[in-house]
Amino acid sequence: MDDAPNDQPARHVIVMGVSGSGKSTVAEGIAKRTGWTFAEADEFHPKANIAKMEAGTPLTDEDRWPWLEALNEWMVERAADGESTVITCSALRRIYRDRLRQGLESLDFIHLHGPAEVIAERMKGRKGHFMPPALLQSQIDTLEALEPDESGVVLDLTHSPEQLVDEAVVWLEGADRGGAGEG
């Protein structure tokens, strides 16, 4: 998989899931394998959002809208240049995913999903990340599964990062543009 040729529309992929699910590792692996441009959604958060999360306060929808709009604008700008992208984003609710899709011809979701206990253990081992493990349950409670009309696949986050990248790339190569896939 290479960057989209001029006669093909740019492809955009969001590796989604709760904090600690492995989004960054998998998204970087997909970007490396496909040659697509990678972005870490955490870098798009306003400072006020990061301060809230560091303090252990869950974000509200109002907090998330400017962040989601910045992510969407980044993808739309690259699409205009024919550039395909891979981005991390929790994309917890359908309404967020709908906002992220605006103005894009193609947006696929790779949902990393698995047991809360596994994710909590991963979060405890992370150093230097602003998202405290105490907010994990709020993300789990907010998470809405991909719906049948959303282009995406659910992958088991207990698989190795290499296996998850392989599974994601295989799915992307054969993805039916019309709806959600099965993991």
C-alpha atoms as a PDB file:
ATOM      1  CA  MET A   1       0.000   0.000   0.000  1.00  0.00           C
ATOM      2  CA  ASP A   2       1.432   3.329  -1.006  1.00  0.00           C
ATOM      3  CA  ASP A   3       0.166   6.870  -0.828  1.00  0.00           C
ATOM      4  CA  ALA A   4      -2.959   7.228  -2.970  1.00  0.00           C
ATOM      5  CA  PRO A   5      -2.122   7.848  -6.640  1.00  0.00           C
ATOM      6  CA  ASN A   6      -3.595  10.981  -8.200  1.00  0.00           C
ATOM      7  CA  ASP A   7      -6.479   9.039  -9.781  1.00  0.00           C
ATOM      8  CA  GLN A   8      -7.389   7.450  -6.443  1.00  0.00           C
ATOM      9  CA  PRO A   9      -8.928   9.391  -3.563  1.00  0.00           C
ATOM     10  CA  ALA A  10      -6.856   9.773  -0.433  1.00  0.00           C
ATOM     11  CA  ARG A  11      -7.586   7.225   2.283  1.00  0.00           C
ATOM     12  CA  HIS A  12      -7.902   8.137   5.914  1.00  0.00           C
ATOM     13  CA  VAL A  13      -7.775   5.763   8.851  1.00  0.00           C
ATOM     14  CA  ILE A  14      -8.427   6.412  12.510  1.00  0.00           C
ATOM     15  CA  VAL A  15      -7.118   3.905  15.023  1.00  0.00           C
ATOM     16  CA  MET A  16      -9.680   4.272  17.781  1.00  0.00           C
ATOM     17  CA  GLY A  17     -10.342   3.027  21.290  1.00  0.00           C
ATOM     18  CA  VAL A  18     -10.026   4.059  24.894  1.00  0.00           C
ATOM     19  CA  SER A  19      -6.793   5.422  26.314  1.00  0.00           C
ATOM     20  CA  GLY A  20      -4.223   2.664  26.814  1.00  0.00           C
ATOM     21  CA  SER A  21      -5.601   0.406  24.065  1.00  0.00           C
ATOM     22  CA  GLY A  22      -2.455   0.706  21.930  1.00  0.00           C
ATOM     23  CA  LYS A  23      -3.650   3.232  19.350  1.00  0.00           C
ATOM     24  CA  SER A  24      -0.319   5.005  18.879  1.00  0.00           C
ATOM     25  CA  THR A  25       1.731   1.835  18.467  1.00  0.00           C
ATOM     26  CA  VAL A  26      -0.690   0.322  15.957  1.00  0.00           C
ATOM     27  CA  ALA A  27      -1.237   3.571  14.030  1.00  0.00           C
ATOM     28  CA  GLU A  28       2.510   4.135  13.704  1.00  0.00           C
ATOM     29  CA  GLY A  29       2.875   0.555  12.438  1.00  0.00           C
ATOM     30  CA  ILE A  30       0.119   1.047   9.866  1.00  0.00           C
ATOM     31  CA  ALA A  31       1.695   4.313   8.708  1.00  0.00           C
ATOM     32  CA  LYS A  32       5.081   2.638   8.353  1.00  0.00           C
ATOM     33  CA  ARG A  33       3.609  -0.248   6.338  1.00  0.00           C
ATOM     34  CA  THR A  34       1.435   1.913   4.063  1.00  0.00           C
ATOM     35  CA  GLY A  35       3.622   5.010   3.721  1.00  0.00           C
ATOM     36  CA  TRP A  36       0.688   7.158   4.813  1.00  0.00           C
ATOM     37  CA  THR A  37       1.163  10.256   6.977  1.00  0.00           C
ATOM     38  CA  PHE A  38       0.803   9.659  10.729  1.00  0.00           C
ATOM     39  CA  ALA A  39      -0.583  12.027  13.363  1.00  0.00           C
ATOM     40  CA  GLU A  40      -1.086  11.597  17.097  1.00  0.00           C
ATOM     41  CA  ALA A  41      -4.448  13.091  18.102  1.00  0.00           C
ATOM     42  CA  ASP A  42      -3.217  13.923  21.599  1.00  0.00           C
ATOM     43  CA  GLU A  43      -1.035  16.605  20.015  1.00  0.00           C
ATOM     44  CA  PHE A  44      -4.187  18.381  18.765  1.00  0.00           C
ATOM     45  CA  HIS A  45      -5.754  18.807  22.229  1.00  0.00           C
ATOM     46  CA  PRO A  46      -5.981  22.368  23.529  1.00  0.00           C
ATOM     47  CA  LYS A  47      -3.932  22.949  26.685  1.00  0.00           C
ATOM     48  CA  ALA A  48      -7.137  23.317  28.705  1.00  0.00           C
ATOM     49  CA  ASN A  49      -8.189  19.762  27.759  1.00  0.00           C
ATOM     50  CA  ILE A  50      -4.836  18.319  28.790  1.00  0.00           C
ATOM     51  CA  ALA A  51      -4.990  20.200  32.107  1.00  0.00           C
ATOM     52  CA  LYS A  52      -8.484  18.801  32.796  1.00  0.00           C
ATOM     53  CA  MET A  53      -7.399  15.239  32.068  1.00  0.00           C
ATOM     54  CA  GLU A  54      -4.215  15.577  34.119  1.00  0.00           C
ATOM     55  CA  ALA A  55      -6.420  16.718  37.003  1.00  0.00           C
ATOM     56  CA  GLY A  56      -8.561  13.589  36.596  1.00  0.00           C
ATOM     57  CA  THR A  57     -11.572  15.404  35.140  1.00  0.00           C
ATOM     58  CA  PRO A  58     -13.271  13.718  32.170  1.00  0.00           C
ATOM     59  CA  LEU A  59     -13.740  15.851  29.068  1.00  0.00           C
ATOM     60  CA  THR A  60     -17.215  16.986  28.082  1.00  0.00           C
ATOM     61  CA  ASP A  61     -18.567  17.081  24.540  1.00  0.00           C
ATOM     62  CA  GLU A  62     -17.975  20.852  24.569  1.00  0.00           C
ATOM     63  CA  ASP A  63     -14.305  20.207  25.413  1.00  0.00           C
ATOM     64  CA  ARG A  64     -13.964  17.701  22.576  1.00  0.00           C
ATOM     65  CA  TRP A  65     -15.511  19.688  19.692  1.00  0.00           C
ATOM     66  CA  PRO A  66     -12.526  22.000  18.994  1.00  0.00           C
ATOM     67  CA  TRP A  67     -10.197  18.973  19.168  1.00  0.00           C
ATOM     68  CA  LEU A  68     -12.330  16.919  16.759  1.00  0.00           C
ATOM     69  CA  GLU A  69     -12.604  19.880  14.395  1.00  0.00           C
ATOM     70  CA  ALA A  70      -8.809  20.301  14.381  1.00  0.00           C
ATOM     71  CA  LEU A  71      -8.358  16.597  13.576  1.00  0.00           C
ATOM     72  CA  ASN A  72     -10.921  16.776  10.779  1.00  0.00           C
ATOM     73  CA  GLU A  73      -9.327  19.919   9.314  1.00  0.00           C
ATOM     74  CA  TRP A  74      -5.917  18.204   9.341  1.00  0.00           C
ATOM     75  CA  MET A  75      -7.298  15.208   7.400  1.00  0.00           C
ATOM     76  CA  VAL A  76      -9.289  17.377   4.960  1.00  0.00           C
ATOM     77  CA  GLU A  77      -6.195  19.487   4.184  1.00  0.00           C
ATOM     78  CA  ARG A  78      -4.187  16.365   3.402  1.00  0.00           C
ATOM     79  CA  ALA A  79      -7.028  14.881   1.352  1.00  0.00           C
ATOM     80  CA  ALA A  80      -7.010  18.015  -0.803  1.00  0.00           C
ATOM     81  CA  ASP A  81      -3.389  17.210  -1.633  1.00  0.00           C
ATOM     82  CA  GLY A  82      -4.178  13.535  -2.319  1.00  0.00           C
ATOM     83  CA  GLU A  83      -2.307  12.497   0.831  1.00  0.00           C
ATOM     84  CA  SER A  84      -3.527   9.460   2.796  1.00  0.00           C
ATOM     85  CA  THR A  85      -3.352   9.539   6.592  1.00  0.00           C
ATOM     86  CA  VAL A  86      -3.374   7.400   9.719  1.00  0.00           C
ATOM     87  CA  ILE A  87      -4.377   9.130  12.927  1.00  0.00           C
ATOM     88  CA  THR A  88      -5.008   8.073  16.500  1.00  0.00           C
ATOM     89  CA  CYS A  89      -8.234   9.227  18.118  1.00  0.00           C
ATOM     90  CA  SER A  90     -10.401   7.742  20.827  1.00  0.00           C
ATOM     91  CA  ALA A  91     -13.474   8.459  18.617  1.00  0.00           C
ATOM     92  CA  LEU A  92     -15.613   7.143  21.459  1.00  0.00           C
ATOM     93  CA  ARG A  93     -19.045   8.217  20.244  1.00  0.00           C
ATOM     94  CA  ARG A  94     -20.822   7.999  16.893  1.00  0.00           C
ATOM     95  CA  ILE A  95     -21.395  11.750  16.898  1.00  0.00           C
ATOM     96  CA  TYR A  96     -17.613  12.288  17.173  1.00  0.00           C
ATOM     97  CA  ARG A  97     -16.942   9.885  14.313  1.00  0.00           C
ATOM     98  CA  ASP A  98     -19.573  11.666  12.209  1.00  0.00           C
ATOM     99  CA  ARG A  99     -17.767  14.976  12.833  1.00  0.00           C
ATOM    100  CA  LEU A 100     -14.430  13.425  11.882  1.00  0.00           C
ATOM    101  CA  ARG A 101     -15.918  12.153   8.582  1.00  0.00           C
ATOM    102  CA  GLN A 102     -17.144  15.557   7.363  1.00  0.00           C
ATOM    103  CA  GLY A 103     -15.650  16.578   4.045  1.00  0.00           C
ATOM    104  CA  LEU A 104     -13.807  13.273   3.520  1.00  0.00           C
ATOM    105  CA  GLU A 105     -14.542  10.826   0.745  1.00  0.00           C
ATOM    106  CA  SER A 106     -13.181   7.921   2.798  1.00  0.00           C
ATOM    107  CA  LEU A 107     -12.644   7.372   6.534  1.00  0.00           C
ATOM    108  CA  ASP A 108     -12.066   3.934   8.027  1.00  0.00           C
ATOM    109  CA  PHE A 109     -11.877   3.025  11.710  1.00  0.00           C
ATOM    110  CA  ILE A 110      -9.642   0.399  13.297  1.00  0.00           C
ATOM    111  CA  HIS A 111     -11.157  -0.115  16.771  1.00  0.00           C
ATOM    112  CA  LEU A 112      -8.771  -1.661  19.308  1.00  0.00           C
ATOM    113  CA  HIS A 113     -11.000  -3.312  21.884  1.00  0.00           C
ATOM    114  CA  GLY A 114     -10.423  -5.639  24.805  1.00  0.00           C
ATOM    115  CA  PRO A 115     -10.674  -6.268  28.531  1.00  0.00           C
ATOM    116  CA  ALA A 116     -10.621  -3.246  30.836  1.00  0.00           C
ATOM    117  CA  GLU A 117      -8.191  -5.049  33.149  1.00  0.00           C
ATOM    118  CA  VAL A 118      -5.598  -5.384  30.384  1.00  0.00           C
ATOM    119  CA  ILE A 119      -5.961  -1.711  29.468  1.00  0.00           C
ATOM    120  CA  ALA A 120      -5.738  -0.586  33.107  1.00  0.00           C
ATOM    121  CA  GLU A 121      -2.497  -2.542  33.561  1.00  0.00           C
ATOM    122  CA  ARG A 122      -1.032  -0.919  30.458  1.00  0.00           C
ATOM    123  CA  MET A 123      -2.014   2.528  31.694  1.00  0.00           C
ATOM    124  CA  LYS A 124      -0.356   1.945  35.062  1.00  0.00           C
ATOM    125  CA  GLY A 125       2.917   1.134  33.280  1.00  0.00           C
ATOM    126  CA  ARG A 126       2.933   4.269  31.087  1.00  0.00           C
ATOM    127  CA  LYS A 127       5.235   7.112  31.969  1.00  0.00           C
ATOM    128  CA  GLY A 128       4.673  10.739  31.037  1.00  0.00           C
ATOM    129  CA  HIS A 129       1.152  10.454  29.618  1.00  0.00           C
ATOM    130  CA  PHE A 130      -1.420  13.004  30.752  1.00  0.00           C
ATOM    131  CA  MET A 131      -4.343  10.548  30.866  1.00  0.00           C
ATOM    132  CA  PRO A 132      -4.566   9.014  34.353  1.00  0.00           C
ATOM    133  CA  PRO A 133      -5.839   5.434  34.794  1.00  0.00           C
ATOM    134  CA  ALA A 134      -8.657   6.846  36.933  1.00  0.00           C
ATOM    135  CA  LEU A 135     -10.351   8.166  33.764  1.00  0.00           C
ATOM    136  CA  LEU A 136     -10.429   4.787  32.014  1.00  0.00           C
ATOM    137  CA  GLN A 137     -13.910   3.879  33.278  1.00  0.00           C
ATOM    138  CA  SER A 138     -15.334   7.191  32.037  1.00  0.00           C
ATOM    139  CA  GLN A 139     -14.012   6.385  28.556  1.00  0.00           C
ATOM    140  CA  ILE A 140     -15.393   2.841  28.667  1.00  0.00           C
ATOM    141  CA  ASP A 141     -18.771   4.228  29.729  1.00  0.00           C
ATOM    142  CA  THR A 142     -18.725   6.731  26.840  1.00  0.00           C
ATOM    143  CA  LEU A 143     -17.595   4.271  24.134  1.00  0.00           C
ATOM    144  CA  GLU A 144     -20.177   3.486  21.449  1.00  0.00           C
ATOM    145  CA  ALA A 145     -19.468   0.531  19.175  1.00  0.00           C
ATOM    146  CA  LEU A 146     -19.049   1.047  15.446  1.00  0.00           C
ATOM    147  CA  GLU A 147     -22.400   0.825  13.706  1.00  0.00           C
ATOM    148  CA  PRO A 148     -23.071  -1.308  10.594  1.00  0.00           C
ATOM    149  CA  ASP A 149     -22.978   1.736   8.285  1.00  0.00           C
ATOM    150  CA  GLU A 150     -19.522   2.810   9.535  1.00  0.00           C
ATOM    151  CA  SER A 151     -16.483   1.539   7.666  1.00  0.00           C
ATOM    152  CA  GLY A 152     -14.398  -0.160  10.299  1.00  0.00           C
ATOM    153  CA  VAL A 153     -13.162  -3.281  11.987  1.00  0.00           C
ATOM    154  CA  VAL A 154     -12.815  -4.293  15.644  1.00  0.00           C
ATOM    155  CA  LEU A 155      -9.495  -5.902  16.581  1.00  0.00           C
ATOM    156  CA  ASP A 156      -8.601  -7.702  19.817  1.00  0.00           C
ATOM    157  CA  LEU A 157      -6.082  -5.496  21.602  1.00  0.00           C
ATOM    158  CA  THR A 158      -4.627  -8.501  23.434  1.00  0.00           C
ATOM    159  CA  HIS A 159      -2.927  -9.518  20.175  1.00  0.00           C
ATOM    160  CA  SER A 160       0.682  -8.413  19.719  1.00  0.00           C
ATOM    161  CA  PRO A 161       1.250  -4.996  18.140  1.00  0.00           C
ATOM    162  CA  GLU A 162       2.762  -6.690  15.072  1.00  0.00           C
ATOM    163  CA  GLN A 163      -0.284  -8.932  14.695  1.00  0.00           C
ATOM    164  CA  LEU A 164      -2.639  -5.967  15.096  1.00  0.00           C
ATOM    165  CA  VAL A 165      -0.791  -4.016  12.398  1.00  0.00           C
ATOM    166  CA  ASP A 166      -0.942  -7.068  10.109  1.00  0.00           C
ATOM    167  CA  GLU A 167      -4.682  -7.523  10.766  1.00  0.00           C
ATOM    168  CA  ALA A 168      -5.361  -3.816  10.188  1.00  0.00           C
ATOM    169  CA  VAL A 169      -3.401  -3.647   6.919  1.00  0.00           C
ATOM    170  CA  VAL A 170      -5.038  -6.824   5.600  1.00  0.00           C
ATOM    171  CA  TRP A 171      -8.458  -5.383   6.443  1.00  0.00           C
ATOM    172  CA  LEU A 172      -7.622  -2.040   4.832  1.00  0.00           C
ATOM    173  CA  GLU A 173      -6.440  -3.753   1.652  1.00  0.00           C
ATOM    174  CA  GLY A 174      -9.739  -5.618   1.338  1.00  0.00           C
ATOM    175  CA  ALA A 175     -12.079  -3.235   3.144  1.00  0.00           C
ATOM    176  CA  ASP A 176     -15.580  -2.990   1.776  1.00  0.00           C
ATOM    177  CA  ARG A 177     -16.061   0.773   1.575  1.00  0.00           C
ATOM    178  CA  GLY A 178     -19.749   0.337   2.459  1.00  0.00           C
ATOM    179  CA  GLY A 179     -19.867  -0.659   6.106  1.00  0.00           C
ATOM    180  CA  ALA A 180     -18.283  -1.949   9.277  1.00  0.00           C
ATOM    181  CA  GLY A 181     -16.286  -5.126   9.136  1.00  0.00           C
ATOM    182  CA  GLU A 182     -15.884  -7.850  11.700  1.00  0.00           C
ATOM    183  CA  GLY A 183     -12.684  -8.532  13.571  1.00  0.00           C
END
